[in-house]
PDB file of N, CA and C in Angstrom:
ATOM      1  N   UNK A   1     103.138 116.083 150.729  1.00  0.00           N
ATOM      2  CA  UNK A   1     104.089 115.377 150.711  1.00  0.00           C
ATOM      3  C   UNK A   1     105.603 116.589 150.713  1.00  0.00           C
ATOM      4  N   UNK A   2     106.516 116.837 151.650  1.00  0.00           N
ATOM      5  CA  UNK A   2     107.501 117.212 151.569  1.00  0.00           C
ATOM      6  C   UNK A   2     108.404 116.694 150.383  1.00  0.00           C
ATOM      7  N   UNK A   3     108.303 115.555 149.849  1.00  0.00           N
ATOM      8  CA  UNK A   3     109.774 114.920 148.482  1.00  0.00           C
ATOM      9  C   UNK A   3     109.531 115.356 147.351  1.00  0.00           C
ATOM     10  N   UNK A   4     110.466 115.045 146.901  1.00  0.00           N
ATOM     11  CA  UNK A   4     111.100 115.595 145.665  1.00  0.00           C
ATOM     12  C   UNK A   4     111.486 116.681 145.043  1.00  0.00           C
ATOM     13  N   UNK A   5     111.241 116.622 144.029  1.00  0.00           N
ATOM     14  CA  UNK A   5     112.476 117.698 143.099  1.00  0.00           C
ATOM     15  C   UNK A   5     111.297 119.012 142.709  1.00  0.00           C
ATOM     16  N   UNK A   6     110.805 120.020 143.188  1.00  0.00           N
ATOM     17  CA  UNK A   6     110.476 120.719 143.243  1.00  0.00           C
ATOM     18  C   UNK A   6     110.583 121.562 141.444  1.00  0.00           C
ATOM     19  N   UNK A   7     108.913 120.772 140.674  1.00  0.00           N
ATOM     20  CA  UNK A   7     109.287 121.236 138.865  1.00  0.00           C
ATOM     21  C   UNK A   7     108.301 122.540 139.094  1.00  0.00           C
ATOM     22  N   UNK A   8     107.463 122.868 140.406  1.00  0.00           N
ATOM     23  CA  UNK A   8     105.838 123.531 139.800  1.00  0.00           C
ATOM     24  C   UNK A   8     106.559 124.562 139.169  1.00  0.00           C
ATOM     25  N   UNK A   9     105.190 125.422 138.278  1.00  0.00           N
ATOM     26  CA  UNK A   9     105.259 125.879 137.711  1.00  0.00           C
ATOM     27  C   UNK A   9     106.212 125.937 136.107  1.00  0.00           C
ATOM     28  N   UNK A  10     107.012 124.413 135.484  1.00  0.00           N
ATOM     29  CA  UNK A  10     107.747 124.591 134.681  1.00  0.00           C
ATOM     30  C   UNK A  10     106.930 123.899 133.819  1.00  0.00           C
ATOM     31  N   UNK A  11     106.606 123.993 132.215  1.00  0.00           N
ATOM     32  CA  UNK A  11     106.434 123.671 131.633  1.00  0.00           C
ATOM     33  C   UNK A  11     107.381 122.499 130.981  1.00  0.00           C
ATOM     34  N   UNK A  12     106.912 121.769 130.497  1.00  0.00           N
ATOM     35  CA  UNK A  12     107.354 120.552 129.606  1.00  0.00           C
ATOM     36  C   UNK A  12     109.487 120.927 129.448  1.00  0.00           C
ATOM     37  N   UNK A  13     109.351 122.179 129.143  1.00  0.00           N
ATOM     38  CA  UNK A  13     110.181 122.265 127.700  1.00  0.00           C
ATOM     39  C   UNK A  13     112.082 122.699 129.423  1.00  0.00           C
ATOM     40  N   UNK A  14     111.077 123.356 130.121  1.00  0.00           N
ATOM     41  CA  UNK A  14     111.898 123.678 131.273  1.00  0.00           C
ATOM     42  C   UNK A  14     111.571 122.573 131.794  1.00  0.00           C
ATOM     43  N   UNK A  15     110.890 121.644 132.533  1.00  0.00           N
ATOM     44  CA  UNK A  15     111.921 120.137 133.045  1.00  0.00           C
ATOM     45  C   UNK A  15     112.795 119.523 132.450  1.00  0.00           C
ATOM     46  N   UNK A  16     112.390 119.577 131.377  1.00  0.00           N
ATOM     47  CA  UNK A  16     113.875 117.948 130.633  1.00  0.00           C
ATOM     48  C   UNK A  16     114.666 119.317 130.545  1.00  0.00           C
ATOM     49  N   UNK A  17     115.154 120.294 131.033  1.00  0.00           N
ATOM     50  CA  UNK A  17     116.259 120.788 131.097  1.00  0.00           C
ATOM     51  C   UNK A  17     116.837 120.911 131.961  1.00  0.00           C
ATOM     52  N   UNK A  18     116.167 120.759 133.413  1.00  0.00           N
ATOM     53  CA  UNK A  18     116.448 120.520 134.516  1.00  0.00           C
ATOM     54  C   UNK A  18     116.430 118.931 134.492  1.00  0.00           C
ATOM     55  N   UNK A  19     116.145 117.920 134.041  1.00  0.00           N
ATOM     56  CA  UNK A  19     115.955 116.717 134.315  1.00  0.00           C
ATOM     57  C   UNK A  19     117.324 116.533 133.108  1.00  0.00           C
ATOM     58  N   UNK A  20     117.803 117.182 131.937  1.00  0.00           N
ATOM     59  CA  UNK A  20     118.649 116.748 131.164  1.00  0.00           C
ATOM     60  C   UNK A  20     120.277 116.795 131.838  1.00  0.00           C
ATOM     61  N   UNK A  21     120.735 117.129 133.109  1.00  0.00           N
ATOM     62  CA  UNK A  21     122.550 116.881 133.576  1.00  0.00           C
ATOM     63  C   UNK A  21     121.874 115.857 134.684  1.00  0.00           C
ATOM     64  N   UNK A  22     121.040 115.418 134.769  1.00  0.00           N
ATOM     65  CA  UNK A  22     120.745 113.629 135.475  1.00  0.00           C
ATOM     66  C   UNK A  22     120.898 112.068 134.204  1.00  0.00           C
ATOM     67  N   UNK A  23     120.988 112.589 132.919  1.00  0.00           N
ATOM     68  CA  UNK A  23     121.298 112.128 131.842  1.00  0.00           C
ATOM     69  C   UNK A  23     122.211 112.639 131.480  1.00  0.00           C
ATOM     70  N   UNK A  24     123.311 113.562 131.460  1.00  0.00           N
ATOM     71  CA  UNK A  24     124.348 113.856 131.416  1.00  0.00           C
ATOM     72  C   UNK A  24     125.144 113.099 132.505  1.00  0.00           C
ATOM     73  N   UNK A  25     124.871 113.222 133.524  1.00  0.00           N
ATOM     74  CA  UNK A  25     126.022 112.081 134.327  1.00  0.00           C
ATOM     75  C   UNK A  25     126.065 110.610 134.164  1.00  0.00           C
ATOM     76  N   UNK A  26     124.997 110.307 133.347  1.00  0.00           N
ATOM     77  CA  UNK A  26     124.793 108.960 133.423  1.00  0.00           C
ATOM     78  C   UNK A  26     125.465 108.446 131.795  1.00  0.00           C
ATOM     79  N   UNK A  27     125.318 109.561 130.907  1.00  0.00           N
ATOM     80  CA  UNK A  27     125.430 109.197 129.568  1.00  0.00           C
ATOM     81  C   UNK A  27     126.473 110.510 129.285  1.00  0.00           C
ATOM     82  N   UNK A  28     127.792 110.139 129.759  1.00  0.00           N
ATOM     83  CA  UNK A  28     129.197 111.226 129.037  1.00  0.00           C
ATOM     84  C   UNK A  28     128.470 112.131 127.870  1.00  0.00           C
ATOM     85  N   UNK A  29     127.868 112.949 128.045  1.00  0.00           N
ATOM     86  CA  UNK A  29     128.221 113.799 126.859  1.00  0.00           C
ATOM     87  C   UNK A  29     126.070 114.040 126.086  1.00  0.00           C
ATOM     88  N   UNK A  30     125.117 112.765 126.548  1.00  0.00           N
ATOM     89  CA  UNK A  30     124.212 113.988 126.473  1.00  0.00           C
ATOM     90  C   UNK A  30     124.343 115.288 126.253  1.00  0.00           C
ATOM     91  N   UNK A  31     123.721 115.542 125.967  1.00  0.00           N
ATOM     92  CA  UNK A  31     123.130 117.336 125.904  1.00  0.00           C
ATOM     93  C   UNK A  31     121.537 117.688 124.511  1.00  0.00           C
ATOM     94  N   UNK A  32     121.068 118.467 125.474  1.00  0.00           N
ATOM     95  CA  UNK A  32     119.510 118.866 124.652  1.00  0.00           C
ATOM     96  C   UNK A  32     119.974 120.291 123.586  1.00  0.00           C
ATOM     97  N   UNK A  33     119.263 120.069 121.961  1.00  0.00           N
ATOM     98  CA  UNK A  33     119.658 121.142 121.253  1.00  0.00           C
ATOM     99  C   UNK A  33     118.718 121.632 122.249  1.00  0.00           C
ATOM    100  N   UNK A  34     119.077 123.301 121.881  1.00  0.00           N
ATOM    101  CA  UNK A  34     118.187 124.324 122.734  1.00  0.00           C
ATOM    102  C   UNK A  34     116.990 124.497 122.106  1.00  0.00           C
ATOM    103  N   UNK A  35     116.177 124.227 123.591  1.00  0.00           N
ATOM    104  CA  UNK A  35     114.747 124.821 123.258  1.00  0.00           C
ATOM    105  C   UNK A  35     114.263 123.116 122.641  1.00  0.00           C
ATOM    106  N   UNK A  36     114.479 122.082 122.720  1.00  0.00           N
ATOM    107  CA  UNK A  36     113.910 120.973 122.610  1.00  0.00           C
ATOM    108  C   UNK A  36     114.440 120.461 123.834  1.00  0.00           C
ATOM    109  N   UNK A  37     112.531 119.713 124.032  1.00  0.00           N
ATOM    110  CA  UNK A  37     112.177 118.725 125.108  1.00  0.00           C
ATOM    111  C   UNK A  37     112.729 117.681 124.783  1.00  0.00           C
ATOM    112  N   UNK A  38     113.193 116.863 125.453  1.00  0.00           N
ATOM    113  CA  UNK A  38     113.247 114.923 125.590  1.00  0.00           C
ATOM    114  C   UNK A  38     111.789 114.654 125.959  1.00  0.00           C
ATOM    115  N   UNK A  39     110.552 115.115 126.020  1.00  0.00           N
ATOM    116  CA  UNK A  39     109.393 114.642 126.689  1.00  0.00           C
ATOM    117  C   UNK A  39     108.531 115.082 125.717  1.00  0.00           C
ATOM    118  N   UNK A  40     108.078 114.160 125.087  1.00  0.00           N
ATOM    119  CA  UNK A  40     106.503 114.487 124.146  1.00  0.00           C
ATOM    120  C   UNK A  40     105.254 114.308 124.577  1.00  0.00           C
ATOM    121  N   UNK A  41     105.657 112.764 126.040  1.00  0.00           N
ATOM    122  CA  UNK A  41     103.716 113.008 125.894  1.00  0.00           C
ATOM    123  C   UNK A  41     103.830 112.968 127.611  1.00  0.00           C
ATOM    124  N   UNK A  42     102.396 113.719 128.028  1.00  0.00           N
ATOM    125  CA  UNK A  42     102.239 113.005 129.107  1.00  0.00           C
ATOM    126  C   UNK A  42     100.744 112.426 129.188  1.00  0.00           C
ATOM    127  N   UNK A  43     100.443 111.791 130.607  1.00  0.00           N
ATOM    128  CA  UNK A  43     100.058 110.719 131.052  1.00  0.00           C
ATOM    129  C   UNK A  43      99.803 110.485 132.528  1.00  0.00           C
ATOM    130  N   UNK A  44      98.543 111.249 133.050  1.00  0.00           N
ATOM    131  CA  UNK A  44      97.962 110.078 134.470  1.00  0.00           C
ATOM    132  C   UNK A  44      97.475 109.041 134.495  1.00  0.00           C
ATOM    133  N   UNK A  45      98.519 108.777 135.940  1.00  0.00           N
ATOM    134  CA  UNK A  45      98.527 107.355 135.788  1.00  0.00           C
ATOM    135  C   UNK A  45      98.482 107.271 137.428  1.00  0.00           C
ATOM    136  N   UNK A  46      97.787 105.954 137.770  1.00  0.00           N
ATOM    137  CA  UNK A  46      97.024 105.534 139.154  1.00  0.00           C
ATOM    138  C   UNK A  46      98.053 104.652 139.623  1.00  0.00           C
ATOM    139  N   UNK A  47      97.624 104.852 141.148  1.00  0.00           N
ATOM    140  CA  UNK A  47      99.340 104.181 142.093  1.00  0.00           C
ATOM    141  C   UNK A  47      99.549 102.308 141.428  1.00  0.00           C
ATOM    142  N   UNK A  48      98.015 101.969 141.325  1.00  0.00           N
ATOM    143  CA  UNK A  48      98.236 100.668 140.867  1.00  0.00           C
ATOM    144  C   UNK A  48      98.839 100.731 139.443  1.00  0.00           C
ATOM    145  N   UNK A  49      99.272 101.440 138.738  1.00  0.00           N
ATOM    146  CA  UNK A  49      99.813 101.253 137.653  1.00  0.00           C
ATOM    147  C   UNK A  49     101.077 101.713 137.305  1.00  0.00           C
ATOM    148  N   UNK A  50     101.535 102.572 138.058  1.00  0.00           N
ATOM    149  CA  UNK A  50     102.964 102.310 139.044  1.00  0.00           C
ATOM    150  C   UNK A  50     103.821 101.815 139.900  1.00  0.00           C
ATOM    151  N   UNK A  51     103.155 101.356 140.921  1.00  0.00           N
ATOM    152  CA  UNK A  51     103.684 100.756 142.540  1.00  0.00           C
ATOM    153  C   UNK A  51     104.979  99.851 141.941  1.00  0.00           C
ATOM    154  N   UNK A  52     104.845  98.983 140.850  1.00  0.00           N
ATOM    155  CA  UNK A  52     106.027  97.830 140.902  1.00  0.00           C
ATOM    156  C   UNK A  52     107.379  99.671 140.447  1.00  0.00           C
ATOM    157  N   UNK A  53     107.009 100.077 139.944  1.00  0.00           N
ATOM    158  CA  UNK A  53     108.013 101.570 139.067  1.00  0.00           C
ATOM    159  C   UNK A  53     108.885 101.506 140.561  1.00  0.00           C
ATOM    160  N   UNK A  54     107.898 101.911 141.359  1.00  0.00           N
ATOM    161  CA  UNK A  54     108.136 103.032 142.470  1.00  0.00           C
ATOM    162  C   UNK A  54     108.954 101.527 143.998  1.00  0.00           C
ATOM    163  N   UNK A  55     110.324 101.849 144.260  1.00  0.00           N
ATOM    164  CA  UNK A  55     111.010 100.868 145.082  1.00  0.00           C
ATOM    165  C   UNK A  55     110.354 101.022 145.902  1.00  0.00           C
ATOM    166  N   UNK A  56     110.309  99.926 146.415  1.00  0.00           N
ATOM    167  CA  UNK A  56     109.278  99.106 148.272  1.00  0.00           C
ATOM    168  C   UNK A  56     109.861 100.406 149.126  1.00  0.00           C
ATOM    169  N   UNK A  57     111.027 100.617 149.101  1.00  0.00           N
ATOM    170  CA  UNK A  57     110.991 101.409 150.313  1.00  0.00           C
ATOM    171  C   UNK A  57     110.413 102.871 150.357  1.00  0.00           C
ATOM    172  N   UNK A  58     109.935 103.360 149.397  1.00  0.00           N
ATOM    173  CA  UNK A  58     108.758 104.341 149.210  1.00  0.00           C
ATOM    174  C   UNK A  58     107.149 104.183 149.516  1.00  0.00           C
ATOM    175  N   UNK A  59     106.733 102.795 149.450  1.00  0.00           N
ATOM    176  CA  UNK A  59     105.572 102.330 149.014  1.00  0.00           C
ATOM    177  C   UNK A  59     104.578 103.023 150.505  1.00  0.00           C
ATOM    178  N   UNK A  60     105.232 103.219 151.632  1.00  0.00           N
ATOM    179  CA  UNK A  60     104.424 103.889 152.193  1.00  0.00           C
ATOM    180  C   UNK A  60     104.064 105.299 151.911  1.00  0.00           C
ATOM    181  N   UNK A  61     105.048 106.147 150.940  1.00  0.00           N
ATOM    182  CA  UNK A  61     104.900 107.340 150.563  1.00  0.00           C
ATOM    183  C   UNK A  61     102.770 107.829 150.400  1.00  0.00           C
ATOM    184  N   UNK A  62     102.866 106.965 149.627  1.00  0.00           N
ATOM    185  CA  UNK A  62     101.610 106.955 148.506  1.00  0.00           C
ATOM    186  C   UNK A  62     100.695 105.332 149.233  1.00  0.00           C
ATOM    187  N   UNK A  63      99.414 106.281 148.782  1.00  0.00           N
ATOM    188  CA  UNK A  63      98.057 105.747 149.370  1.00  0.00           C
ATOM    189  C   UNK A  63      97.750 105.089 147.664  1.00  0.00           C
ATOM    190  N   UNK A  64      96.278 103.883 148.001  1.00  0.00           N
ATOM    191  CA  UNK A  64      95.898 103.281 146.493  1.00  0.00           C
ATOM    192  C   UNK A  64      95.560 104.273 145.843  1.00  0.00           C
ATOM    193  N   UNK A  65      95.232 105.737 146.516  1.00  0.00           N
ATOM    194  CA  UNK A  65      93.889 106.768 146.020  1.00  0.00           C
ATOM    195  C   UNK A  65      95.036 107.545 145.052  1.00  0.00           C
ATOM    196  N   UNK A  66      96.159 107.687 145.410  1.00  0.00           N
ATOM    197  CA  UNK A  66      97.313 108.589 144.849  1.00  0.00           C
ATOM    198  C   UNK A  66      97.211 108.689 143.940  1.00  0.00           C
ATOM    199  N   UNK A  67      98.008 109.627 142.439  1.00  0.00           N
ATOM    200  CA  UNK A  67      97.726 109.888 140.806  1.00  0.00           C
ATOM    201  C   UNK A  67      98.720 110.314 140.963  1.00  0.00           C
ATOM    202  N   UNK A  68      99.395 110.255 139.740  1.00  0.00           N
ATOM    203  CA  UNK A  68     100.977 110.167 139.441  1.00  0.00           C
ATOM    204  C   UNK A  68     100.644 111.393 137.875  1.00  0.00           C
ATOM    205  N   UNK A  69     101.158 111.588 137.104  1.00  0.00           N
ATOM    206  CA  UNK A  69     101.674 112.189 135.656  1.00  0.00           C
ATOM    207  C   UNK A  69     103.230 111.275 135.310  1.00  0.00           C
ATOM    208  N   UNK A  70     103.146 111.134 134.407  1.00  0.00           N
ATOM    209  CA  UNK A  70     104.103 110.612 134.351  1.00  0.00           C
ATOM    210  C   UNK A  70     104.248 111.416 132.673  1.00  0.00           C
ATOM    211  N   UNK A  71     105.752 112.019 132.446  1.00  0.00           N
ATOM    212  CA  UNK A  71     106.607 112.747 131.258  1.00  0.00           C
ATOM    213  C   UNK A  71     107.712 111.329 130.535  1.00  0.00           C
ATOM    214  N   UNK A  72     106.715 111.212 128.949  1.00  0.00           N
ATOM    215  CA  UNK A  72     107.925 110.464 128.070  1.00  0.00           C
ATOM    216  C   UNK A  72     107.839 110.410 127.160  1.00  0.00           C
ATOM    217  N   UNK A  73     109.675 110.990 126.918  1.00  0.00           N
ATOM    218  CA  UNK A  73     110.113 110.225 125.712  1.00  0.00           C
ATOM    219  C   UNK A  73     111.527 109.750 125.010  1.00  0.00           C
ATOM    220  N   UNK A  74     111.873 110.065 123.669  1.00  0.00           N
ATOM    221  CA  UNK A  74     112.980 109.179 123.478  1.00  0.00           C
ATOM    222  C   UNK A  74     113.964 110.333 122.858  1.00  0.00           C
ATOM    223  N   UNK A  75     115.069 109.762 124.292  1.00  0.00           N
ATOM    224  CA  UNK A  75     116.662 109.993 123.913  1.00  0.00           C
ATOM    225  C   UNK A  75     117.445 109.671 123.297  1.00  0.00           C
ATOM    226  N   UNK A  76     118.427 110.040 122.447  1.00  0.00           N
ATOM    227  CA  UNK A  76     119.795 109.604 122.162  1.00  0.00           C
ATOM    228  C   UNK A  76     120.214 109.969 123.102  1.00  0.00           C
ATOM    229  N   UNK A  77     121.890 108.547 123.714  1.00  0.00           N
ATOM    230  CA  UNK A  77     122.106 108.614 125.152  1.00  0.00           C
ATOM    231  C   UNK A  77     123.739 108.062 124.753  1.00  0.00           C
ATOM    232  N   UNK A  78     124.161 107.992 123.776  1.00  0.00           N
ATOM    233  CA  UNK A  78     125.465 107.798 123.379  1.00  0.00           C
ATOM    234  C   UNK A  78     125.736 106.873 121.736  1.00  0.00           C
ATOM    235  N   UNK A  79     126.608 106.230 121.572  1.00  0.00           N
ATOM    236  CA  UNK A  79     126.747 105.745 120.306  1.00  0.00           C
ATOM    237  C   UNK A  79     127.445 104.124 120.890  1.00  0.00           C
ATOM    238  N   UNK A  80     127.255 103.186 120.024  1.00  0.00           N
ATOM    239  CA  UNK A  80     127.794 102.287 120.824  1.00  0.00           C
ATOM    240  C   UNK A  80     128.373 101.500 119.265  1.00  0.00           C
ATOM    241  N   UNK A  81     129.485 100.993 119.305  1.00  0.00           N
ATOM    242  CA  UNK A  81     130.647  99.958 118.135  1.00  0.00           C
ATOM    243  C   UNK A  81     129.804 100.972 116.630  1.00  0.00           C
ATOM    244  N   UNK A  82     129.550 102.677 116.685  1.00  0.00           N
ATOM    245  CA  UNK A  82     128.893 103.288 115.532  1.00  0.00           C
ATOM    246  C   UNK A  82     127.144 102.765 115.470  1.00  0.00           C
ATOM    247  N   UNK A  83     126.754 102.337 116.172  1.00  0.00           N
ATOM    248  CA  UNK A  83     125.407 102.662 115.886  1.00  0.00           C
ATOM    249  C   UNK A  83     124.888 103.349 117.297  1.00  0.00           C
ATOM    250  N   UNK A  84     124.000 104.077 116.923  1.00  0.00           N
ATOM    251  CA  UNK A  84     123.272 105.489 117.711  1.00  0.00           C
ATOM    252  C   UNK A  84     122.451 104.472 119.315  1.00  0.00           C
ATOM    253  N   UNK A  85     122.000 104.809 119.697  1.00  0.00           N
ATOM    254  CA  UNK A  85     121.385 104.233 121.188  1.00  0.00           C
ATOM    255  C   UNK A  85     120.427 104.939 121.320  1.00  0.00           C
ATOM    256  N   UNK A  86     118.958 104.376 121.661  1.00  0.00           N
ATOM    257  CA  UNK A  86     118.046 105.152 121.965  1.00  0.00           C
ATOM    258  C   UNK A  86     117.630 104.924 123.307  1.00  0.00           C
ATOM    259  N   UNK A  87     116.580 105.227 123.721  1.00  0.00           N
ATOM    260  CA  UNK A  87     116.227 104.819 125.238  1.00  0.00           C
ATOM    261  C   UNK A  87     115.048 105.787 124.910  1.00  0.00           C
ATOM    262  N   UNK A  88     114.049 105.273 126.586  1.00  0.00           N
ATOM    263  CA  UNK A  88     112.733 105.574 127.205  1.00  0.00           C
ATOM    264  C   UNK A  88     112.846 106.553 127.744  1.00  0.00           C
ATOM    265  N   UNK A  89     112.883 107.685 127.922  1.00  0.00           N
ATOM    266  CA  UNK A  89     113.194 108.377 129.307  1.00  0.00           C
ATOM    267  C   UNK A  89     111.679 108.559 130.024  1.00  0.00           C
ATOM    268  N   UNK A  90     111.355 108.178 131.195  1.00  0.00           N
ATOM    269  CA  UNK A  90     110.257 108.989 131.303  1.00  0.00           C
ATOM    270  C   UNK A  90     110.499 109.045 133.324  1.00  0.00           C
ATOM    271  N   UNK A  91     109.517 110.730 133.267  1.00  0.00           N
ATOM    272  CA  UNK A  91     109.351 111.063 134.654  1.00  0.00           C
ATOM    273  C   UNK A  91     108.327 110.532 135.010  1.00  0.00           C
ATOM    274  N   UNK A  92     108.140 110.526 136.483  1.00  0.00           N
ATOM    275  CA  UNK A  92     107.341 110.489 137.321  1.00  0.00           C
ATOM    276  C   UNK A  92     106.966 111.117 138.739  1.00  0.00           C
ATOM    277  N   UNK A  93     105.915 111.857 138.392  1.00  0.00           N
ATOM    278  CA  UNK A  93     105.674 113.581 139.651  1.00  0.00           C
ATOM    279  C   UNK A  93     104.306 113.221 139.803  1.00  0.00           C
ATOM    280  N   UNK A  94     104.124 114.146 141.145  1.00  0.00           N
ATOM    281  CA  UNK A  94     102.831 113.721 141.536  1.00  0.00           C
ATOM    282  C   UNK A  94     102.051 114.283 140.685  1.00  0.00           C
ATOM    283  N   UNK A  95     100.668 113.982 140.756  1.00  0.00           N
ATOM    284  CA  UNK A  95      99.523 114.089 140.179  1.00  0.00           C
ATOM    285  C   UNK A  95      99.494 115.976 139.120  1.00  0.00           C
ATOM    286  N   UNK A  96      99.931 116.385 140.566  1.00  0.00           N
ATOM    287  CA  UNK A  96      99.876 118.379 139.886  1.00  0.00           C
ATOM    288  C   UNK A  96     101.330 119.105 139.322  1.00  0.00           C
ATOM    289  N   UNK A  97     102.196 117.519 138.813  1.00  0.00           N
ATOM    290  CA  UNK A  97     103.070 118.747 138.426  1.00  0.00           C
ATOM    291  C   UNK A  97     103.788 119.188 139.060  1.00  0.00           C
ATOM    292  N   UNK A  98     104.024 119.439 140.081  1.00  0.00           N
ATOM    293  CA  UNK A  98     104.630 119.714 141.308  1.00  0.00           C
ATOM    294  C   UNK A  98     106.075 119.816 142.024  1.00  0.00           C
ATOM    295  N   UNK A  99     106.089 118.412 142.127  1.00  0.00           N
ATOM    296  CA  UNK A  99     107.567 117.694 142.735  1.00  0.00           C
ATOM    297  C   UNK A  99     107.369 116.393 141.289  1.00  0.00           C
ATOM    298  N   UNK A 100     108.494 116.084 140.724  1.00  0.00           N
ATOM    299  CA  UNK A 100     109.384 115.621 140.284  1.00  0.00           C
ATOM    300  C   UNK A 100     109.587 113.954 141.369  1.00  0.00           C
ATOM    301  N   UNK A 101     109.003 113.117 141.237  1.00  0.00           N
ATOM    302  CA  UNK A 101     110.166 111.901 141.941  1.00  0.00           C
ATOM    303  C   UNK A 101     110.836 110.913 141.270  1.00  0.00           C
ATOM    304  N   UNK A 102     110.813 110.161 140.024  1.00  0.00           N
ATOM    305  CA  UNK A 102     111.780 109.426 139.682  1.00  0.00           C
ATOM    306  C   UNK A 102     111.870 109.586 138.055  1.00  0.00           C
ATOM    307  N   UNK A 103     113.086 109.594 137.825  1.00  0.00           N
ATOM    308  CA  UNK A 103     113.425 110.012 136.564  1.00  0.00           C
ATOM    309  C   UNK A 103     113.798 107.867 136.124  1.00  0.00           C
ATOM    310  N   UNK A 104     113.589 107.646 134.946  1.00  0.00           N
ATOM    311  CA  UNK A 104     114.157 106.294 134.765  1.00  0.00           C
ATOM    312  C   UNK A 104     114.661 106.554 133.638  1.00  0.00           C
ATOM    313  N   UNK A 105     114.885 105.197 132.828  1.00  0.00           N
ATOM    314  CA  UNK A 105     115.748 105.373 131.739  1.00  0.00           C
ATOM    315  C   UNK A 105     115.176 103.894 130.814  1.00  0.00           C
ATOM    316  N   UNK A 106     114.817 103.535 129.845  1.00  0.00           N
ATOM    317  CA  UNK A 106     114.726 101.914 129.606  1.00  0.00           C
ATOM    318  C   UNK A 106     115.080 101.980 128.208  1.00  0.00           C
ATOM    319  N   UNK A 107     116.042 100.942 128.172  1.00  0.00           N
ATOM    320  CA  UNK A 107     116.781 100.981 127.340  1.00  0.00           C
ATOM    321  C   UNK A 107     116.341  99.508 126.868  1.00  0.00           C
ATOM    322  N   UNK A 108     116.441  99.433 125.150  1.00  0.00           N
ATOM    323  CA  UNK A 108     116.048  97.512 125.038  1.00  0.00           C
ATOM    324  C   UNK A 108     118.158  96.709 124.775  1.00  0.00           C
ATOM    325  N   UNK A 109     117.533  96.014 125.425  1.00  0.00           N
ATOM    326  CA  UNK A 109     118.862  94.544 125.402  1.00  0.00           C
ATOM    327  C   UNK A 109     118.797  93.473 124.719  1.00  0.00           C
ATOM    328  N   UNK A 110     119.545  92.465 124.945  1.00  0.00           N
ATOM    329  CA  UNK A 110     119.473  91.481 124.188  1.00  0.00           C
ATOM    330  C   UNK A 110     118.246  91.059 124.725  1.00  0.00           C
ATOM    331  N   UNK A 111     118.355  91.053 126.588  1.00  0.00           N
ATOM    332  CA  UNK A 111     117.876  89.906 127.425  1.00  0.00           C
ATOM    333  C   UNK A 111     116.302  90.902 127.439  1.00  0.00           C
ATOM    334  N   UNK A 112     116.078  92.111 126.668  1.00  0.00           N
ATOM    335  CA  UNK A 112     114.741  92.332 126.916  1.00  0.00           C
ATOM    336  C   UNK A 112     115.055  93.672 127.012  1.00  0.00           C
ATOM    337  N   UNK A 113     113.814  94.349 127.839  1.00  0.00           N
ATOM    338  CA  UNK A 113     114.067  96.257 128.533  1.00  0.00           C
ATOM    339  C   UNK A 113     114.558  96.072 129.399  1.00  0.00           C
ATOM    340  N   UNK A 114     115.686  97.223 129.309  1.00  0.00           N
ATOM    341  CA  UNK A 114     115.719  97.509 131.106  1.00  0.00           C
ATOM    342  C   UNK A 114     115.719  99.447 131.072  1.00  0.00           C
ATOM    343  N   UNK A 115     115.157  98.645 132.916  1.00  0.00           N
ATOM    344  CA  UNK A 115     114.706  99.764 133.352  1.00  0.00           C
ATOM    345  C   UNK A 115     115.653 100.429 134.209  1.00  0.00           C
ATOM    346  N   UNK A 116     115.954 101.159 134.121  1.00  0.00           N
ATOM    347  CA  UNK A 116     117.080 102.212 134.902  1.00  0.00           C
ATOM    348  C   UNK A 116     116.920 103.299 135.740  1.00  0.00           C
ATOM    349  N   UNK A 117     116.654 103.766 136.592  1.00  0.00           N
ATOM    350  CA  UNK A 117     116.313 104.493 137.886  1.00  0.00           C
ATOM    351  C   UNK A 117     117.702 105.482 137.659  1.00  0.00           C
ATOM    352  N   UNK A 118     117.392 106.087 137.390  1.00  0.00           N
ATOM    353  CA  UNK A 118     119.087 107.879 136.535  1.00  0.00           C
ATOM    354  C   UNK A 118     118.529 108.523 138.036  1.00  0.00           C
ATOM    355  N   UNK A 119     117.722 108.923 138.283  1.00  0.00           N
ATOM    356  CA  UNK A 119     117.936 109.950 139.719  1.00  0.00           C
ATOM    357  C   UNK A 119     116.665 109.078 140.131  1.00  0.00           C
ATOM    358  N   UNK A 120     116.401 109.198 141.554  1.00  0.00           N
ATOM    359  CA  UNK A 120     115.507 108.757 142.799  1.00  0.00           C
ATOM    360  C   UNK A 120     115.838 110.584 142.857  1.00  0.00           C
ATOM    361  N   UNK A 121     114.671 110.974 143.316  1.00  0.00           N
ATOM    362  CA  UNK A 121     114.299 112.457 143.959  1.00  0.00           C
ATOM    363  C   UNK A 121     113.683 112.267 145.361  1.00  0.00           C
ATOM    364  N   UNK A 122     112.525 110.947 145.569  1.00  0.00           N
ATOM    365  CA  UNK A 122     112.424 110.496 146.439  1.00  0.00           C
ATOM    366  C   UNK A 122     113.310 110.487 147.601  1.00  0.00           C
ATOM    367  N   UNK A 123     114.956 110.128 147.746  1.00  0.00           N
ATOM    368  CA  UNK A 123     115.545 109.903 148.119  1.00  0.00           C
ATOM    369  C   UNK A 123     116.020 111.624 149.161  1.00  0.00           C
ATOM    370  N   UNK A 124     115.964 112.808 148.613  1.00  0.00           N
ATOM    371  CA  UNK A 124     115.931 114.125 148.523  1.00  0.00           C
ATOM    372  C   UNK A 124     115.000 114.540 149.213  1.00  0.00           C
ATOM    373  N   UNK A 125     115.181 115.806 150.517  1.00  0.00           N
ATOM    374  CA  UNK A 125     113.808 116.130 150.724  1.00  0.00           C
ATOM    375  C   UNK A 125     113.880 118.471 150.320  1.00  0.00           C
ATOM    376  N   UNK A 126     112.333 118.448 149.794  1.00  0.00           N
ATOM    377  CA  UNK A 126     112.153 119.950 149.466  1.00  0.00           C
ATOM    378  C   UNK A 126     113.294 120.189 149.025  1.00  0.00           C
ATOM    379  N   UNK A 127     113.783 119.676 147.508  1.00  0.00           N
ATOM    380  CA  UNK A 127     114.138 120.092 146.666  1.00  0.00           C
ATOM    381  C   UNK A 127     113.904 120.814 145.749  1.00  0.00           C
TER     382      UNK A 127
END
C-alpha cells in the first residue's frame, strides 16, 4: 500500500523526532529534549483491535488479517492553570514499521479520555 509517512529504517527515537513537529503544531511550545523519545512501548496489534481507531473512510485499505505496530508513550503537552497537562501519544504503523498511518493523542478530560487524531498520514500518499 502506498499510503502513510515513510519511517522505514528509523529507530524509535528517530520516529519520535519525526512526530515531534506534529505535536508542536497541536500544542504550541511542545518539544523533546535532545535524544529523548516520546515512545516507550511498542506492541503488535491486529485489525480487530484497532479498527475503531481508524476512520471509517480507510477501512477498505485493510483486511481482517492486517497487523499493525503501535508505538505509545507519555508526553507533556502544555500547562493549564499552573498544572502540567500530560497525554498518551500513540502512533499506528504497518506491521513492519515502514509506514506511519495515524498519530493520536489521548488526553484525560472531565468527561473521560478524549482521543484526538493529531496527524492523518493515510490522506497523504508516499511521503
